[in-house]
Structures are given as C-alpha cells and as structure tokens.
Amino acid sequence: MDHLQAHEYLISKPETTVSQPFGEGVDVYKVKGKMFATLALGKMGKGAEENPHWWMNLKCAPDEAHILRDIFDAVIPGYHMNKRLWNTIILDGSIPQGEIERMIDNSFMLVVEKMPKKAQTSILLQLSL
C-alpha cells in the first residue's frame, strides 16, 4: 500500500476529515474531531534522503501494538506519539495491504468506541450501509 492508497482508505471512513494542524506535510485524520491516524513523509532512518517512505501513525491496543512490532519490521513505536497506544507503520511495501487496512480499521474503531453512544451509533450505521 502506498501513501495515496492509504489516504483514500483513511478518508473513506465515515465522518472523517483531514487537516494539517501540525504543519504542512503532516496529514491528520479525525473522526468527529478525534484523531485516529496521521500520514507524513518519513524523515528518519538510514538512507531516508535517497529513498524516503511515508509513515502512518495508528492507534492500537497496547498488547497488539507490541505483537505487531514483533511481527513486522516496518511497525515501530508511534513517532511523536504515546508509544504504548500508537504504532508507526512505514509504508515500504513490506506489509500486506489487507493487514494495513485492518490496522486502520482497528485504529478508527478504537477512537469511535470512546465516543458518546449517539456519535457511535451515527458512525456505526454508516459503516453498515
């Protein structure tokens, strides 16, 4: 999955908006005003200048966050985020698209589950259509 596919999948979630509150170059995806993802061109790592990869931050349950980091080299603790609750996914092509979509879905639902029931119901109805 490349950054354009990631953006399309993120923005397809119900009631999702994208903005750049942290400055140009860092897209922040929110559902009803609550952040569930960021997407930016990565600036760290060996050889990043010659072959930069896009980085996506996603919310994750703490136990699953550690498991994903163990399974995939391209999943690291959340860059500039709470490392217990966020992972950074490096979009280098090493993670299957279906797995990245599952991680996005999970991040979205973790945020929705914390919303008031009325907001949850509104979003869940849209997901079931």
Protein backbone atom coordinates (compact mmCIF):
# COMPACT_ATOMS: atom_id res chain seq x y z
CA MET A 1 0.00 0.00 0.00
CA ASP A 2 1.40 3.38 -0.95
CA HIS A 3 0.54 6.74 0.62
CA LEU A 4 -2.14 7.55 -1.97
CA GLN A 5 -3.94 4.26 -1.34
CA ALA A 6 -3.60 4.82 2.41
CA HIS A 7 -5.07 8.33 2.09
CA GLU A 8 -8.02 7.05 0.04
CA TYR A 9 -8.73 4.29 2.56
CA LEU A 10 -8.44 6.65 5.54
CA ILE A 11 -10.67 9.33 4.05
CA SER A 12 -13.30 6.71 3.09
CA LYS A 13 -14.14 6.14 6.76
CA PRO A 14 -17.47 7.70 7.83
CA GLU A 15 -17.34 11.31 9.05
CA THR A 16 -13.58 11.52 8.55
CA THR A 17 -11.84 14.81 7.92
CA VAL A 18 -8.22 15.55 7.11
CA SER A 19 -6.28 18.63 8.18
CA GLN A 20 -2.72 19.73 8.90
CA PRO A 21 -2.74 21.12 12.46
CA PHE A 22 0.93 20.15 12.98
CA GLY A 23 2.05 21.99 9.87
CA GLU A 24 2.36 21.37 6.18
CA GLY A 25 3.28 17.81 5.28
CA VAL A 26 1.58 16.01 8.15
CA ASP A 27 -1.99 14.97 7.36
CA VAL A 28 -4.12 14.28 10.42
CA TYR A 29 -7.24 12.15 10.02
CA LYS A 30 -10.06 12.65 12.51
CA VAL A 31 -13.47 11.13 13.04
CA LYS A 32 -15.86 13.63 14.63
CA GLY A 33 -12.85 15.70 15.69
CA LYS A 34 -10.88 12.83 17.27
CA MET A 35 -7.57 11.78 15.70
CA PHE A 36 -7.18 8.18 14.55
CA ALA A 37 -4.30 8.49 12.06
CA THR A 38 -1.52 10.67 10.69
CA LEU A 39 0.27 10.34 7.37
CA ALA A 40 3.57 12.05 6.53
CA LEU A 41 6.75 11.54 4.57
CA GLY A 42 9.23 9.97 7.00
CA LYS A 43 12.41 11.90 7.70
CA MET A 44 14.35 9.48 9.86
CA GLY A 45 16.46 6.43 9.26
CA LYS A 46 19.41 5.31 7.26
CA GLY A 47 19.10 6.26 3.60
CA ALA A 48 15.90 8.25 4.15
CA GLU A 49 17.17 11.09 1.97
CA GLU A 50 17.62 8.86 -1.10
CA ASN A 51 14.59 6.60 -0.59
CA PRO A 52 12.03 8.21 1.71
CA HIS A 53 8.98 6.25 2.82
CA TRP A 54 5.65 7.52 4.03
CA TRP A 55 4.87 6.94 7.71
CA MET A 56 1.41 6.43 9.14
CA ASN A 57 0.61 6.64 12.86
CA LEU A 58 -2.30 4.48 14.00
CA LYS A 59 -3.88 3.95 17.39
CA CYS A 60 -3.59 0.40 18.73
CA ALA A 61 -4.40 -1.62 21.84
CA PRO A 62 -1.20 -1.92 23.92
CA ASP A 63 -0.82 -5.71 23.66
CA GLU A 64 -1.49 -5.74 19.94
CA ALA A 65 0.92 -2.83 19.42
CA HIS A 66 3.80 -4.93 20.76
CA ILE A 67 2.78 -8.02 18.78
CA LEU A 68 2.68 -6.05 15.51
CA ARG A 69 6.12 -4.58 16.24
CA ASP A 70 7.45 -8.11 16.74
CA ILE A 71 5.90 -9.41 13.52
CA PHE A 72 6.69 -6.54 11.14
CA ASP A 73 9.99 -4.66 10.90
CA ALA A 74 8.05 -1.75 9.35
CA VAL A 75 5.95 -1.28 12.51
CA ILE A 76 7.69 0.77 15.18
CA PRO A 77 6.57 2.60 18.34
CA GLY A 78 4.50 5.66 17.49
CA TYR A 79 6.73 8.51 16.28
CA HIS A 80 5.92 11.62 18.35
CA MET A 81 3.01 9.73 19.94
CA ASN A 82 2.23 7.78 23.10
CA LYS A 83 4.34 4.70 22.36
CA ARG A 84 2.05 2.47 24.40
CA LEU A 85 -1.06 3.28 22.36
CA TRP A 86 0.26 4.22 18.90
CA ASN A 87 2.31 2.49 16.23
CA THR A 88 4.05 3.99 13.22
CA ILE A 89 3.67 1.96 10.06
CA ILE A 90 6.39 2.58 7.48
CA LEU A 91 4.80 2.21 4.05
CA ASP A 92 7.74 0.45 2.42
CA GLY A 93 5.72 -2.32 0.75
CA SER A 94 6.66 -5.00 3.27
CA ILE A 95 3.25 -5.21 4.97
CA PRO A 96 0.32 -6.68 3.00
CA GLN A 97 -2.35 -4.15 2.06
CA GLY A 98 -5.05 -6.15 3.84
CA GLU A 99 -3.09 -6.02 7.10
CA ILE A 100 -2.63 -2.26 6.83
CA GLU A 101 -6.36 -1.86 6.15
CA ARG A 102 -7.09 -3.99 9.24
CA MET A 103 -4.81 -1.76 11.34
CA ILE A 104 -6.57 1.36 10.00
CA ASP A 105 -9.99 -0.16 10.76
CA ASN A 106 -8.82 -1.04 14.26
CA SER A 107 -7.50 2.48 14.92
CA PHE A 108 -10.75 4.02 13.66
CA MET A 109 -12.88 1.74 15.85
CA LEU A 110 -10.75 2.33 18.97
CA VAL A 111 -11.49 6.05 18.64
CA VAL A 112 -15.19 5.54 17.84
CA GLU A 113 -15.62 3.25 20.87
CA LYS A 114 -14.58 6.11 23.18
CA MET A 115 -17.26 8.46 21.81
CA PRO A 116 -20.68 9.07 23.34
CA LYS A 117 -23.29 6.47 22.31
CA LYS A 118 -25.13 8.87 19.98
CA ALA A 119 -21.97 9.59 17.98
CA GLN A 120 -21.05 5.89 17.94
CA THR A 121 -24.46 4.91 16.63
CA SER A 122 -24.29 7.51 13.86
CA ILE A 123 -20.93 6.19 12.66
CA LEU A 124 -21.78 2.50 13.05
CA LEU A 125 -24.94 2.96 10.99
CA GLN A 126 -22.85 4.43 8.18
CA LEU A 127 -20.40 1.52 8.37
CA SER A 128 -23.21 -0.99 7.97
CA LEU A 129 -24.53 0.60 4.74
